[in-house]
Amino acid sequence: MDRLPLTLIALVFAILFPLVGFLFGLQPLYEHGQNWWRSRTSVAVAARVETLERAEHLSRKRIATYRTEATFRYTFEGRQFVGGQASFYETPELHGGFQDQLYDELKISQQRQSLVDIWVDPSHPEHAVFNRTLNSETAVWSLPFALLFNGLGLAAWGYILNLWRPGRNKTMADRLREGRQILIKGADGTALLFVFALAWNSFSWPFATIALEHIRANGLSLAAIAFLFPIAGLGLILLTWLQFRNRWLAGRPVLEITGLSPLRGSIHFSPAIGQRSPPLELMHHVSISLRLVKGVRSGQKKPIKIWEHCLQDGPVARGTKVLDFVAGPPRERMGEQLELVLELAGANYSFHLPRSR
């Protein structure tokens, strides 16, 4: 596909995803942080509940949620005020949540006509709040949007910049003719696994907290199935940690192409093979293969392997820094690409080669 259609598609994600991340992630988290910062200097003042209301909100499916609205009469530095709010957290909730607890507490004080402590901002005395506790559920729900959507938006911008990178479409023959080094970093999929584990845990734990509240209110039910998702998330975290460990043991191998016809090159290991492994391991198994694959088409999940040649499959001495290879792969046709696959210390790396000619 040409660069322009790909750029337009990526541009949609690059604009929409950060917008969603800002509105539903960064903005609520900023408001939480702002409220927390202001509450640090707030002063406790005695007040009476002036008005109290449980405001009802109906969704499109006629599901009722409630929010506590209140004002207070108080005196600060000799001046009387009527205002304030019940809490920083004003999101409507179902029955049995934080808003109900807040309403019941204020209702008792109003009926008894007793004084309550509210927190007043000394620099703006007209701003006061009864419960200055920050609701953790809102932060938990906002965090996935802030991390994932903004992260995916940045990834889309990176993809666009890579599409228009100068020299991206030059063949290996052109680069060698110009005397330029052809250095290719290996991709191991660890970053993708990390993002998937982060996304899974970001969304599964909030659902688990909702299920826990439901079980507390109504007893054990099918809502307990929601606990399977964070358990699976813990498994993903463990798997991600193991992959990061294997990648750390293997280091950062780099592929260098030095010639064509036949294809010649070297794999540089940094650090040297086995340097991060236990000192008693003198030999390490290394597997290297060169493949010719055809790009994924509609209805396919993986590229089609057309040709494969094993370059190395056996033990390599500890401390080896460079492994050279020579191969004679068939020439790529339209939609085909050469790929070198390296397996070392439990980590798998894929090096995607530019077109030879």
Protein backbone atom coordinates (compact mmCIF):
# COMPACT_ATOMS: atom_id res chain seq x y z
CA MET A 1 0.00 0.00 0.00
CA ASP A 2 1.23 3.51 -0.81
CA ARG A 3 2.42 5.76 1.98
CA LEU A 4 -0.33 8.34 1.61
CA PRO A 5 -3.32 6.03 2.43
CA LEU A 6 -1.36 4.52 5.33
CA THR A 7 -0.54 8.00 6.59
CA LEU A 8 -4.18 9.09 6.47
CA ILE A 9 -5.31 5.98 8.37
CA ALA A 10 -2.59 6.43 10.99
CA LEU A 11 -3.44 10.13 11.26
CA VAL A 12 -6.99 9.26 12.35
CA PHE A 13 -5.58 7.21 15.24
CA ALA A 14 -2.90 9.82 15.98
CA ILE A 15 -5.58 12.51 16.48
CA LEU A 16 -8.55 10.60 17.96
CA PHE A 17 -6.67 8.43 20.47
CA PRO A 18 -4.85 11.32 22.24
CA LEU A 19 -8.14 13.28 22.25
CA VAL A 20 -9.93 10.42 24.04
CA GLY A 21 -6.93 9.98 26.34
CA PHE A 22 -7.06 13.66 27.26
CA LEU A 23 -10.82 13.93 27.83
CA PHE A 24 -11.27 10.68 29.76
CA GLY A 25 -7.79 10.22 31.20
CA LEU A 26 -5.50 13.20 31.60
CA GLN A 27 -8.19 15.79 32.36
CA PRO A 28 -9.85 13.82 35.22
CA LEU A 29 -6.42 12.94 36.64
CA TYR A 30 -5.39 16.61 36.43
CA GLU A 31 -8.56 17.66 38.28
CA HIS A 32 -7.86 15.03 40.94
CA GLY A 33 -4.32 16.30 41.36
CA GLN A 34 -5.50 19.91 41.46
CA ASN A 35 -8.08 19.13 44.14
CA TRP A 36 -5.48 17.24 46.16
CA TRP A 37 -3.02 20.15 45.92
CA ARG A 38 -5.64 22.68 47.02
CA SER A 39 -6.83 20.51 49.90
CA ARG A 40 -3.32 20.55 51.40
CA THR A 41 -3.80 24.14 52.54
CA SER A 42 -7.51 23.92 53.38
CA VAL A 43 -8.70 24.97 56.83
CA ALA A 44 -11.36 23.12 58.84
CA VAL A 45 -14.36 25.37 59.66
CA ALA A 46 -17.56 24.54 61.54
CA ALA A 47 -20.67 24.80 59.38
CA ARG A 48 -24.34 23.83 59.17
CA VAL A 49 -25.95 21.98 56.29
CA GLU A 50 -28.01 24.61 54.45
CA THR A 51 -29.44 22.47 51.62
CA LEU A 52 -29.16 18.78 50.82
CA GLU A 53 -30.40 16.93 47.76
CA ARG A 54 -29.96 13.52 46.21
CA ALA A 55 -29.99 14.42 42.51
CA GLU A 56 -31.21 11.67 40.21
CA HIS A 57 -29.81 11.08 36.71
CA LEU A 58 -31.42 8.68 34.22
CA SER A 59 -29.40 7.05 31.48
CA ARG A 60 -30.75 6.24 28.02
CA LYS A 61 -31.65 2.78 29.31
CA ARG A 62 -33.60 4.39 32.18
CA ILE A 63 -31.05 3.31 34.77
CA ALA A 64 -31.04 5.70 37.72
CA THR A 65 -27.83 7.01 39.25
CA TYR A 66 -27.52 9.51 42.08
CA ARG A 67 -25.28 12.37 43.16
CA THR A 68 -25.23 14.22 46.48
CA GLU A 69 -25.57 18.00 46.23
CA ALA A 70 -25.24 20.18 49.31
CA THR A 71 -24.52 23.74 50.43
CA PHE A 72 -23.31 24.95 53.82
CA ARG A 73 -23.58 28.06 55.98
CA TYR A 74 -20.27 28.97 57.61
CA THR A 75 -18.21 31.88 58.87
CA PHE A 76 -14.59 32.49 57.92
CA GLU A 77 -12.53 35.41 59.22
CA GLY A 78 -15.67 37.26 60.28
CA ARG A 79 -17.44 36.88 56.94
CA GLN A 80 -20.47 34.66 56.39
CA PHE A 81 -20.73 32.38 53.38
CA VAL A 82 -23.37 30.07 51.96
CA GLY A 83 -22.08 27.60 49.41
CA GLY A 84 -19.53 24.88 49.02
CA GLN A 85 -20.01 21.34 47.82
CA ALA A 86 -20.45 17.91 49.33
CA SER A 87 -17.39 16.34 47.70
CA PHE A 88 -14.82 16.77 44.95
CA TYR A 89 -16.22 13.57 43.48
CA GLU A 90 -19.48 14.50 41.71
CA THR A 91 -19.95 11.55 39.35
CA PRO A 92 -23.43 9.96 39.72
CA GLU A 93 -23.44 6.40 41.08
CA LEU A 94 -25.81 3.50 41.60
CA HIS A 95 -27.36 2.95 45.01
CA GLY A 96 -25.01 1.71 47.70
CA GLY A 97 -21.93 3.64 46.59
CA PHE A 98 -19.94 6.60 47.82
CA GLN A 99 -22.66 9.13 46.97
CA ASP A 100 -25.24 7.31 49.11
CA GLN A 101 -22.85 7.15 52.08
CA LEU A 102 -22.16 10.86 51.73
CA TYR A 103 -25.89 11.70 51.58
CA ASP A 104 -26.71 9.59 54.65
CA GLU A 105 -23.93 11.22 56.69
CA LEU A 106 -25.07 14.73 55.81
CA LYS A 107 -28.76 13.84 56.29
CA ILE A 108 -28.14 12.81 59.88
CA SER A 109 -26.31 16.10 60.59
CA GLN A 110 -29.11 18.09 58.97
CA GLN A 111 -31.84 16.35 60.95
CA ARG A 112 -29.97 16.86 64.22
CA GLN A 113 -29.00 20.42 63.21
CA SER A 114 -25.51 19.61 64.33
CA LEU A 115 -22.33 21.27 63.12
CA VAL A 116 -20.05 19.61 60.60
CA ASP A 117 -16.49 20.38 59.63
CA ILE A 118 -15.96 21.62 56.11
CA TRP A 119 -12.65 22.45 54.43
CA VAL A 120 -12.27 26.02 53.22
CA ASP A 121 -9.66 27.35 50.81
CA PRO A 122 -8.11 30.34 52.66
CA SER A 123 -7.26 32.15 49.43
CA HIS A 124 -10.81 31.66 48.11
CA PRO A 125 -13.14 31.30 51.14
CA GLU A 126 -16.17 30.87 48.90
CA HIS A 127 -14.74 27.50 47.88
CA ALA A 128 -15.44 24.86 50.49
CA VAL A 129 -15.95 21.10 50.52
CA PHE A 130 -17.31 18.72 53.13
CA ASN A 131 -15.54 15.51 52.09
CA ARG A 132 -12.14 16.24 50.56
CA THR A 133 -11.24 12.57 50.15
CA LEU A 134 -10.26 11.82 46.56
CA ASN A 135 -12.23 8.92 45.09
CA SER A 136 -9.77 6.26 43.96
CA GLU A 137 -12.25 4.61 41.57
CA THR A 138 -12.27 7.65 39.30
CA ALA A 139 -8.48 7.64 39.17
CA VAL A 140 -8.44 3.91 38.48
CA TRP A 141 -10.83 4.33 35.55
CA SER A 142 -9.00 7.40 34.22
CA LEU A 143 -5.53 5.82 34.33
CA PRO A 144 -6.11 3.29 31.49
CA PHE A 145 -7.37 6.04 29.19
CA ALA A 146 -4.45 8.30 30.09
CA LEU A 147 -1.82 5.60 29.51
CA LEU A 148 -3.19 3.50 26.68
CA PHE A 149 -4.93 5.98 24.43
CA ASN A 150 -2.16 8.55 24.64
CA GLY A 151 0.44 5.81 24.21
CA LEU A 152 -1.30 4.47 21.12
CA GLY A 153 -1.58 8.00 19.76
CA LEU A 154 2.17 8.51 20.20
CA ALA A 155 2.78 5.15 18.50
CA ALA A 156 0.66 6.29 15.55
CA TRP A 157 2.72 9.49 15.25
CA GLY A 158 5.90 7.40 15.38
CA TYR A 159 4.55 5.18 12.61
CA ILE A 160 3.80 8.24 10.45
CA LEU A 161 7.30 9.64 10.99
CA ASN A 162 8.81 6.27 10.09
CA LEU A 163 6.74 6.11 6.90
CA TRP A 164 8.21 9.40 5.72
CA ARG A 165 11.74 8.78 7.00
CA PRO A 166 14.32 9.76 4.34
CA GLY A 167 15.88 6.73 2.65
CA ARG A 168 13.28 4.31 3.99
CA ASN A 169 12.54 2.82 0.58
CA LYS A 170 16.17 2.49 -0.54
CA THR A 171 17.26 -1.08 -1.32
CA MET A 172 20.24 -2.76 0.30
CA ALA A 173 22.12 -2.56 -3.00
CA ASP A 174 21.63 1.24 -3.08
CA ARG A 175 22.86 1.63 0.48
CA LEU A 176 25.93 -0.54 -0.07
CA ARG A 177 26.71 1.37 -3.27
CA GLU A 178 26.61 4.63 -1.32
CA GLY A 179 28.98 3.14 1.27
CA ARG A 180 26.40 3.32 4.06
CA GLN A 181 26.22 0.75 6.85
CA ILE A 182 23.13 -1.44 6.93
CA LEU A 183 22.39 -1.99 10.61
CA ILE A 184 19.09 -3.57 11.64
CA LYS A 185 17.83 -3.85 15.21
CA GLY A 186 15.93 -6.96 16.19
CA ALA A 187 12.26 -6.91 17.19
CA ASP A 188 11.27 -9.37 19.91
CA GLY A 189 7.63 -8.47 20.63
CA THR A 190 8.33 -7.70 24.30
CA ALA A 191 7.04 -4.14 24.00
CA LEU A 192 3.79 -5.38 22.43
CA LEU A 193 3.38 -7.94 25.22
CA PHE A 194 3.99 -5.22 27.81
CA VAL A 195 1.34 -2.97 26.26
CA PHE A 196 -1.14 -5.86 26.12
CA ALA A 197 -0.48 -6.77 29.77
CA LEU A 198 -0.85 -3.12 30.78
CA ALA A 199 -4.12 -2.79 28.86
CA TRP A 200 -5.52 -6.03 30.26
CA ASN A 201 -4.71 -5.13 33.88
CA SER A 202 -5.83 -1.51 33.49
CA PHE A 203 -9.33 -2.57 32.52
CA SER A 204 -9.70 -5.84 34.45
CA TRP A 205 -8.94 -4.53 37.94
CA PRO A 206 -11.61 -1.77 37.87
CA PHE A 207 -14.17 -4.37 36.77
CA ALA A 208 -13.05 -6.58 39.65
CA THR A 209 -13.59 -3.75 42.16
CA ILE A 210 -17.12 -3.22 40.80
CA ALA A 211 -17.79 -6.96 41.07
CA LEU A 212 -16.49 -6.95 44.66
CA GLU A 213 -18.86 -4.13 45.63
CA HIS A 214 -21.73 -6.00 43.96
CA ILE A 215 -20.93 -9.19 45.87
CA ARG A 216 -20.69 -7.30 49.15
CA ALA A 217 -24.11 -5.78 48.56
CA ASN A 218 -25.94 -8.79 47.06
CA GLY A 219 -23.93 -11.86 48.01
CA LEU A 220 -22.00 -14.32 45.88
CA SER A 221 -23.17 -14.42 42.27
CA LEU A 222 -21.93 -14.79 38.70
CA ALA A 223 -20.18 -11.46 39.18
CA ALA A 224 -17.35 -13.48 40.74
CA ILE A 225 -16.34 -14.47 37.20
CA ALA A 226 -14.89 -10.95 36.90
CA PHE A 227 -12.10 -12.01 39.29
CA LEU A 228 -10.73 -14.36 36.61
CA PHE A 229 -9.64 -11.36 34.53
CA PRO A 230 -7.22 -9.83 37.08
CA ILE A 231 -5.90 -13.35 37.82
CA ALA A 232 -5.14 -13.71 34.12
CA GLY A 233 -3.62 -10.23 34.29
CA LEU A 234 -1.21 -11.39 36.99
CA GLY A 235 -0.22 -14.26 34.69
CA LEU A 236 0.44 -11.77 31.90
CA ILE A 237 2.60 -9.69 34.24
CA LEU A 238 4.63 -12.79 35.11
CA LEU A 239 5.00 -13.72 31.44
CA THR A 240 6.06 -10.16 30.58
CA TRP A 241 8.64 -10.18 33.38
CA LEU A 242 10.08 -13.49 32.12
CA GLN A 243 10.32 -12.08 28.59
CA PHE A 244 12.06 -8.95 29.85
CA ARG A 245 14.46 -11.14 31.83
CA ASN A 246 15.26 -13.26 28.77
CA ARG A 247 15.78 -10.12 26.71
CA TRP A 248 18.12 -8.74 29.37
CA LEU A 249 20.13 -11.99 29.34
CA ALA A 250 20.35 -11.98 25.53
CA GLY A 251 21.23 -8.27 25.28
CA ARG A 252 20.70 -6.15 22.16
CA PRO A 253 21.84 -8.03 19.05
CA VAL A 254 22.25 -5.98 15.87
CA LEU A 255 22.34 -7.36 12.33
CA GLU A 256 24.82 -5.88 9.85
CA ILE A 257 24.56 -6.62 6.12
CA THR A 258 27.95 -6.38 4.39
CA GLY A 259 27.25 -7.75 0.91
CA LEU A 260 24.85 -9.26 -1.58
CA SER A 261 25.08 -12.20 -4.06
CA PRO A 262 25.55 -14.12 -1.87
CA LEU A 263 23.98 -12.40 1.12
CA ARG A 264 26.68 -11.75 3.71
CA GLY A 265 26.47 -10.28 7.15
CA SER A 266 27.22 -10.42 10.85
CA ILE A 267 25.24 -10.43 14.08
CA HIS A 268 26.83 -8.27 16.77
CA PHE A 269 26.01 -9.16 20.39
CA SER A 270 26.11 -6.49 23.10
CA PRO A 271 26.99 -7.67 25.65
CA ALA A 272 28.79 -10.76 24.40
CA ILE A 273 26.92 -14.08 24.46
CA GLY A 274 26.54 -15.40 27.99
CA GLN A 275 28.02 -12.39 29.81
CA ARG A 276 24.85 -11.97 31.87
CA SER A 277 24.33 -15.68 32.50
CA PRO A 278 25.75 -17.69 35.44
CA PRO A 279 29.56 -18.02 35.07
CA LEU A 280 29.46 -21.84 34.98
CA GLU A 281 27.59 -21.84 31.66
CA LEU A 282 30.41 -21.94 29.14
CA MET A 283 28.31 -22.79 26.06
CA HIS A 284 25.01 -21.29 24.96
CA HIS A 285 22.59 -22.56 22.36
CA VAL A 286 22.05 -20.18 19.44
CA SER A 287 19.62 -20.73 16.59
CA ILE A 288 19.70 -18.55 13.45
CA SER A 289 17.55 -19.01 10.37
CA LEU A 290 16.90 -16.95 7.25
CA ARG A 291 13.40 -16.93 5.78
CA LEU A 292 11.63 -15.56 2.75
CA VAL A 293 8.06 -14.69 3.71
CA LYS A 294 5.07 -13.27 1.88
CA GLY A 295 3.11 -10.47 3.51
CA VAL A 296 -0.17 -11.10 5.34
CA ARG A 297 -3.26 -10.95 3.18
CA SER A 298 -6.92 -10.72 4.13
CA GLY A 299 -8.07 -13.88 5.89
CA GLN A 300 -4.52 -14.79 6.99
CA LYS A 301 -3.11 -14.47 10.50
CA LYS A 302 0.59 -14.98 9.76
CA PRO A 303 2.92 -14.34 6.81
CA ILE A 304 3.41 -17.31 4.48
CA LYS A 305 6.88 -18.88 4.72
CA ILE A 306 8.14 -19.51 1.17
CA TRP A 307 11.77 -20.47 1.84
CA GLU A 308 13.92 -21.10 4.93
CA HIS A 309 17.57 -21.88 5.52
CA CYS A 310 19.20 -22.70 8.88
CA LEU A 311 22.40 -20.72 9.42
CA GLN A 312 23.20 -21.83 12.96
CA ASP A 313 21.67 -24.31 15.39
CA GLY A 314 24.00 -25.38 18.14
CA PRO A 315 26.19 -24.30 21.06
CA VAL A 316 28.28 -21.14 20.88
CA ALA A 317 31.10 -20.31 23.28
CA ARG A 318 30.55 -17.82 26.06
CA GLY A 319 32.01 -14.40 25.24
CA THR A 320 31.32 -14.54 21.49
CA LYS A 321 30.68 -11.02 20.20
CA VAL A 322 30.17 -11.55 16.47
CA LEU A 323 28.69 -14.36 14.37
CA ASP A 324 29.21 -14.15 10.57
CA PHE A 325 26.98 -15.81 8.00
CA VAL A 326 26.71 -16.32 4.25
CA ALA A 327 23.51 -17.38 2.49
CA GLY A 328 22.05 -17.52 -0.99
CA PRO A 329 18.32 -16.76 -0.61
CA PRO A 330 16.05 -16.48 -3.65
CA ARG A 331 15.36 -12.96 -4.85
CA GLU A 332 12.30 -11.30 -3.38
CA ARG A 333 9.28 -10.79 -5.55
CA MET A 334 6.39 -8.38 -5.05
CA GLY A 335 5.05 -8.58 -1.48
CA GLU A 336 7.92 -10.78 -0.25
CA GLN A 337 10.55 -9.97 2.38
CA LEU A 338 13.64 -11.56 3.87
CA GLU A 339 13.57 -12.12 7.62
CA LEU A 340 16.38 -13.35 9.86
CA VAL A 341 15.24 -15.05 13.08
CA LEU A 342 17.54 -15.37 16.10
CA GLU A 343 16.88 -17.42 19.24
CA LEU A 344 19.16 -16.89 22.24
CA ALA A 345 18.67 -17.30 26.01
CA GLY A 346 14.94 -17.90 25.59
CA ALA A 347 14.48 -14.65 23.63
CA ASN A 348 13.42 -14.57 19.97
CA TYR A 349 14.46 -11.72 17.69
CA SER A 350 13.23 -10.95 14.18
CA PHE A 351 15.29 -8.82 11.76
CA HIS A 352 13.33 -7.58 8.74
CA LEU A 353 15.68 -6.89 5.85
CA PRO A 354 15.04 -4.16 3.27
CA ARG A 355 14.66 -5.28 -0.35
CA SER A 356 17.96 -6.39 -1.81
CA ARG A 357 17.44 -4.68 -5.19
